[in-house]
């Protein structure tokens, strides 16, 4: 097995090799890009969830209002029928 200066020389020559430096830079940029893409997708997903929840709450609010109107109409009809029975 080789020991001593050969390993150190090999390490130095590999670290200064232009292709190795280029690959290291590419890896660094790729990691940075992956992180940015992930952050953008997370933010987009967060916004989509917020929009979905807001729409669901708005729809629920409209449904509650519609149910109230129906209940009020039903109550008015029942009240009218009771009034008619009392008058008869």
N, C-alpha and C. Protein backbone atom coordinates (compact mmCIF):
# COMPACT_ATOMS: atom_id res chain seq x y z
N UNK A 1 0.83 -1.17 0.00
CA UNK A 1 0.00 0.00 0.00
C UNK A 1 0.88 1.24 0.00
N UNK A 2 0.37 2.28 -0.63
CA UNK A 2 1.11 3.54 -0.65
C UNK A 2 0.77 4.34 0.58
N UNK A 3 1.79 4.95 1.13
CA UNK A 3 1.59 5.79 2.31
C UNK A 3 2.40 7.05 2.14
N UNK A 4 2.10 7.99 2.97
CA UNK A 4 2.94 9.18 3.01
C UNK A 4 2.56 10.21 1.98
N UNK A 5 3.57 10.73 1.27
CA UNK A 5 3.40 11.86 0.38
C UNK A 5 2.55 11.56 -0.85
N UNK A 6 2.51 10.33 -1.29
CA UNK A 6 1.73 10.01 -2.49
C UNK A 6 0.26 10.36 -2.29
N UNK A 7 -0.29 9.97 -1.16
CA UNK A 7 -1.69 10.26 -0.88
C UNK A 7 -1.92 11.76 -0.82
N UNK A 8 -1.02 12.48 -0.21
CA UNK A 8 -1.16 13.94 -0.11
C UNK A 8 -1.05 14.56 -1.50
N UNK A 9 -0.12 14.07 -2.32
CA UNK A 9 0.05 14.60 -3.66
C UNK A 9 -1.17 14.30 -4.51
N UNK A 10 -1.69 13.08 -4.38
CA UNK A 10 -2.88 12.71 -5.14
C UNK A 10 -4.05 13.60 -4.75
N UNK A 11 -4.20 13.85 -3.46
CA UNK A 11 -5.28 14.69 -2.96
C UNK A 11 -5.17 16.10 -3.51
N UNK A 12 -3.96 16.63 -3.52
CA UNK A 12 -3.74 17.99 -4.01
C UNK A 12 -4.01 18.05 -5.51
N UNK A 13 -3.50 17.05 -6.25
CA UNK A 13 -3.69 17.08 -7.70
C UNK A 13 -5.16 16.91 -8.06
N UNK A 14 -5.89 16.12 -7.30
CA UNK A 14 -7.32 15.95 -7.58
C UNK A 14 -8.10 17.21 -7.25
N UNK A 15 -7.71 17.88 -6.18
CA UNK A 15 -8.46 19.05 -5.78
C UNK A 15 -8.20 20.24 -6.69
N UNK A 16 -7.07 20.24 -7.41
CA UNK A 16 -6.78 21.34 -8.32
C UNK A 16 -7.08 20.98 -9.76
N UNK A 17 -7.51 19.77 -10.01
CA UNK A 17 -7.88 19.35 -11.35
C UNK A 17 -9.09 20.17 -11.80
N UNK A 18 -9.02 20.81 -12.98
CA UNK A 18 -10.13 21.66 -13.43
C UNK A 18 -11.47 20.91 -13.52
N UNK A 19 -11.42 19.69 -13.97
CA UNK A 19 -12.66 18.92 -14.08
C UNK A 19 -13.26 18.66 -12.70
N UNK A 20 -12.41 18.33 -11.75
CA UNK A 20 -12.88 18.10 -10.38
C UNK A 20 -13.46 19.37 -9.80
N UNK A 21 -12.78 20.49 -10.02
CA UNK A 21 -13.29 21.78 -9.54
C UNK A 21 -14.63 22.12 -10.19
N UNK A 22 -14.72 21.85 -11.49
CA UNK A 22 -15.96 22.11 -12.22
C UNK A 22 -17.09 21.23 -11.69
N UNK A 23 -16.80 19.97 -11.47
CA UNK A 23 -17.82 19.06 -10.93
C UNK A 23 -18.25 19.47 -9.53
N UNK A 24 -17.30 19.91 -8.72
CA UNK A 24 -17.62 20.37 -7.37
C UNK A 24 -18.51 21.60 -7.43
N UNK A 25 -18.19 22.52 -8.33
CA UNK A 25 -19.00 23.74 -8.49
C UNK A 25 -20.40 23.37 -9.00
N UNK A 26 -20.45 22.46 -9.96
CA UNK A 26 -21.74 22.01 -10.47
C UNK A 26 -22.58 21.39 -9.36
N UNK A 27 -21.95 20.57 -8.54
CA UNK A 27 -22.65 19.94 -7.42
C UNK A 27 -23.18 20.99 -6.45
N UNK A 28 -22.35 22.00 -6.18
CA UNK A 28 -22.75 23.08 -5.28
C UNK A 28 -23.95 23.85 -5.86
N UNK A 29 -23.86 24.19 -7.14
CA UNK A 29 -24.96 24.91 -7.79
C UNK A 29 -26.22 24.06 -7.86
N UNK A 30 -26.05 22.79 -8.12
CA UNK A 30 -27.18 21.88 -8.18
C UNK A 30 -27.89 21.80 -6.84
N UNK A 31 -27.11 21.72 -5.77
CA UNK A 31 -27.68 21.68 -4.42
C UNK A 31 -28.42 22.97 -4.12
N UNK A 32 -27.81 24.10 -4.49
CA UNK A 32 -28.44 25.41 -4.28
C UNK A 32 -29.74 25.49 -5.07
N UNK A 33 -29.70 25.06 -6.31
CA UNK A 33 -30.90 25.09 -7.16
C UNK A 33 -31.99 24.19 -6.58
N UNK A 34 -31.61 23.00 -6.14
CA UNK A 34 -32.58 22.10 -5.52
C UNK A 34 -33.24 22.75 -4.31
N UNK A 35 -32.44 23.42 -3.51
CA UNK A 35 -32.97 24.09 -2.31
C UNK A 35 -33.93 25.20 -2.70
N UNK A 36 -33.57 25.96 -3.71
CA UNK A 36 -34.45 27.06 -4.16
C UNK A 36 -35.75 26.52 -4.74
N UNK A 37 -35.64 25.49 -5.55
CA UNK A 37 -36.85 24.88 -6.13
C UNK A 37 -37.75 24.36 -5.02
N UNK A 38 -37.16 23.69 -4.05
CA UNK A 38 -37.94 23.16 -2.93
C UNK A 38 -38.63 24.29 -2.17
N UNK A 39 -37.93 25.39 -1.94
CA UNK A 39 -38.52 26.53 -1.24
C UNK A 39 -39.67 27.13 -2.04
N UNK A 40 -39.49 27.24 -3.36
CA UNK A 40 -40.55 27.78 -4.22
C UNK A 40 -41.76 26.87 -4.20
N UNK A 41 -41.53 25.57 -4.32
CA UNK A 41 -42.64 24.62 -4.32
C UNK A 41 -43.35 24.60 -2.97
N UNK A 42 -42.58 24.70 -1.88
CA UNK A 42 -43.19 24.76 -0.55
C UNK A 42 -44.07 25.99 -0.42
N UNK A 43 -43.57 27.13 -0.90
CA UNK A 43 -44.34 28.38 -0.82
C UNK A 43 -45.59 28.28 -1.69
N UNK A 44 -45.44 27.70 -2.89
CA UNK A 44 -46.59 27.54 -3.78
C UNK A 44 -47.63 26.63 -3.15
N UNK A 45 -47.19 25.53 -2.57
CA UNK A 45 -48.11 24.61 -1.90
C UNK A 45 -48.80 25.30 -0.74
N UNK A 46 -48.03 26.07 0.03
CA UNK A 46 -48.60 26.80 1.16
C UNK A 46 -49.69 27.77 0.68
N UNK A 47 -49.41 28.48 -0.41
CA UNK A 47 -50.40 29.42 -0.97
C UNK A 47 -51.63 28.69 -1.49
N UNK A 48 -51.42 27.54 -2.14
CA UNK A 48 -52.56 26.76 -2.64
C UNK A 48 -53.42 26.26 -1.49
N UNK A 49 -52.79 25.84 -0.41
CA UNK A 49 -53.54 25.38 0.76
C UNK A 49 -54.33 26.53 1.36
N UNK A 50 -53.69 27.70 1.48
CA UNK A 50 -54.39 28.88 2.00
C UNK A 50 -55.60 29.23 1.13
N UNK A 51 -55.40 29.21 -0.20
CA UNK A 51 -56.51 29.52 -1.11
C UNK A 51 -57.63 28.49 -0.98
N UNK A 52 -57.26 27.22 -0.88
CA UNK A 52 -58.25 26.16 -0.74
C UNK A 52 -59.07 26.34 0.53
N UNK A 53 -58.38 26.62 1.64
CA UNK A 53 -59.06 26.81 2.92
C UNK A 53 -59.96 28.04 2.86
N UNK A 54 -59.46 29.12 2.27
CA UNK A 54 -60.27 30.34 2.15
C UNK A 54 -61.52 30.07 1.32
N UNK A 55 -61.37 29.36 0.21
CA UNK A 55 -62.53 29.02 -0.63
C UNK A 55 -63.51 28.13 0.12
N UNK A 56 -62.97 27.16 0.84
CA UNK A 56 -63.84 26.25 1.60
C UNK A 56 -64.61 27.02 2.68
N UNK A 57 -63.93 27.92 3.37
CA UNK A 57 -64.61 28.72 4.39
C UNK A 57 -65.66 29.64 3.78
N UNK A 58 -65.33 30.23 2.64
CA UNK A 58 -66.30 31.10 1.96
C UNK A 58 -67.52 30.29 1.53
N UNK A 59 -67.29 29.11 0.96
CA UNK A 59 -68.41 28.26 0.55
C UNK A 59 -69.24 27.84 1.75
N UNK A 60 -68.56 27.52 2.85
CA UNK A 60 -69.28 27.13 4.06
C UNK A 60 -70.11 28.30 4.58
N UNK A 61 -69.54 29.50 4.51
CA UNK A 61 -70.27 30.70 4.93
C UNK A 61 -71.51 30.91 4.09
N UNK A 62 -71.38 30.72 2.78
CA UNK A 62 -72.54 30.86 1.89
C UNK A 62 -73.59 29.80 2.20
N UNK A 63 -73.13 28.59 2.48
CA UNK A 63 -74.06 27.51 2.80
C UNK A 63 -74.78 27.80 4.11
N UNK A 64 -74.08 28.33 5.08
CA UNK A 64 -74.71 28.67 6.36
C UNK A 64 -75.77 29.74 6.14
N UNK A 65 -75.45 30.74 5.34
CA UNK A 65 -76.43 31.80 5.05
C UNK A 65 -77.65 31.23 4.33
N UNK A 66 -77.42 30.34 3.38
CA UNK A 66 -78.53 29.72 2.65
C UNK A 66 -79.39 28.90 3.61
N UNK A 67 -78.75 28.17 4.52
CA UNK A 67 -79.50 27.38 5.50
C UNK A 67 -80.31 28.28 6.42
N UNK A 68 -79.75 29.41 6.80
CA UNK A 68 -80.49 30.36 7.65
C UNK A 68 -81.73 30.88 6.93
N UNK A 69 -81.56 31.23 5.65
CA UNK A 69 -82.71 31.71 4.87
C UNK A 69 -83.79 30.62 4.79
N UNK A 70 -83.36 29.39 4.53
CA UNK A 70 -84.32 28.28 4.46
C UNK A 70 -85.02 28.10 5.80
N UNK A 71 -84.26 28.15 6.88
CA UNK A 71 -84.85 28.01 8.22
C UNK A 71 -85.85 29.12 8.50
N UNK A 72 -85.48 30.34 8.12
CA UNK A 72 -86.40 31.47 8.33
C UNK A 72 -87.67 31.31 7.51
N UNK A 73 -87.54 30.84 6.27
CA UNK A 73 -88.72 30.61 5.43
C UNK A 73 -89.59 29.51 6.03
N UNK A 74 -88.95 28.43 6.47
CA UNK A 74 -89.70 27.33 7.09
C UNK A 74 -90.40 27.81 8.35
N UNK A 75 -89.72 28.60 9.15
CA UNK A 75 -90.32 29.12 10.37
C UNK A 75 -91.51 30.01 10.03
N UNK A 76 -91.35 30.85 9.03
CA UNK A 76 -92.45 31.74 8.62
C UNK A 76 -93.65 30.93 8.14
N UNK A 77 -93.40 29.87 7.39
CA UNK A 77 -94.50 29.02 6.91
C UNK A 77 -95.19 28.33 8.09
N UNK A 78 -94.42 27.82 9.02
CA UNK A 78 -95.00 27.16 10.19
C UNK A 78 -95.80 28.17 11.01
N UNK A 79 -95.24 29.35 11.18
CA UNK A 79 -95.94 30.40 11.93
C UNK A 79 -97.26 30.76 11.24
N UNK A 80 -97.23 30.85 9.92
CA UNK A 80 -98.44 31.17 9.16
C UNK A 80 -99.48 30.06 9.32
N UNK A 81 -99.03 28.81 9.26
CA UNK A 81 -99.96 27.69 9.45
C UNK A 81 -100.56 27.71 10.85
N UNK A 82 -99.74 28.02 11.86
CA UNK A 82 -100.26 28.11 13.23
C UNK A 82 -101.28 29.24 13.35
N UNK A 83 -100.96 30.37 12.73
CA UNK A 83 -101.91 31.50 12.75
C UNK A 83 -103.22 31.11 12.07
N UNK A 84 -103.12 30.38 10.96
CA UNK A 84 -104.34 29.94 10.25
C UNK A 84 -105.15 28.98 11.12
N UNK A 85 -104.47 28.10 11.84
CA UNK A 85 -105.17 27.15 12.71
C UNK A 85 -105.86 27.90 13.84
N UNK A 86 -105.18 28.89 14.43
CA UNK A 86 -105.77 29.66 15.52
C UNK A 86 -106.98 30.45 15.05
N UNK A 87 -106.95 30.92 13.81
CA UNK A 87 -108.07 31.70 13.29
C UNK A 87 -109.26 30.82 12.92
N UNK A 88 -109.02 29.56 12.68
CA UNK A 88 -110.09 28.67 12.25
C UNK A 88 -110.97 28.21 13.37
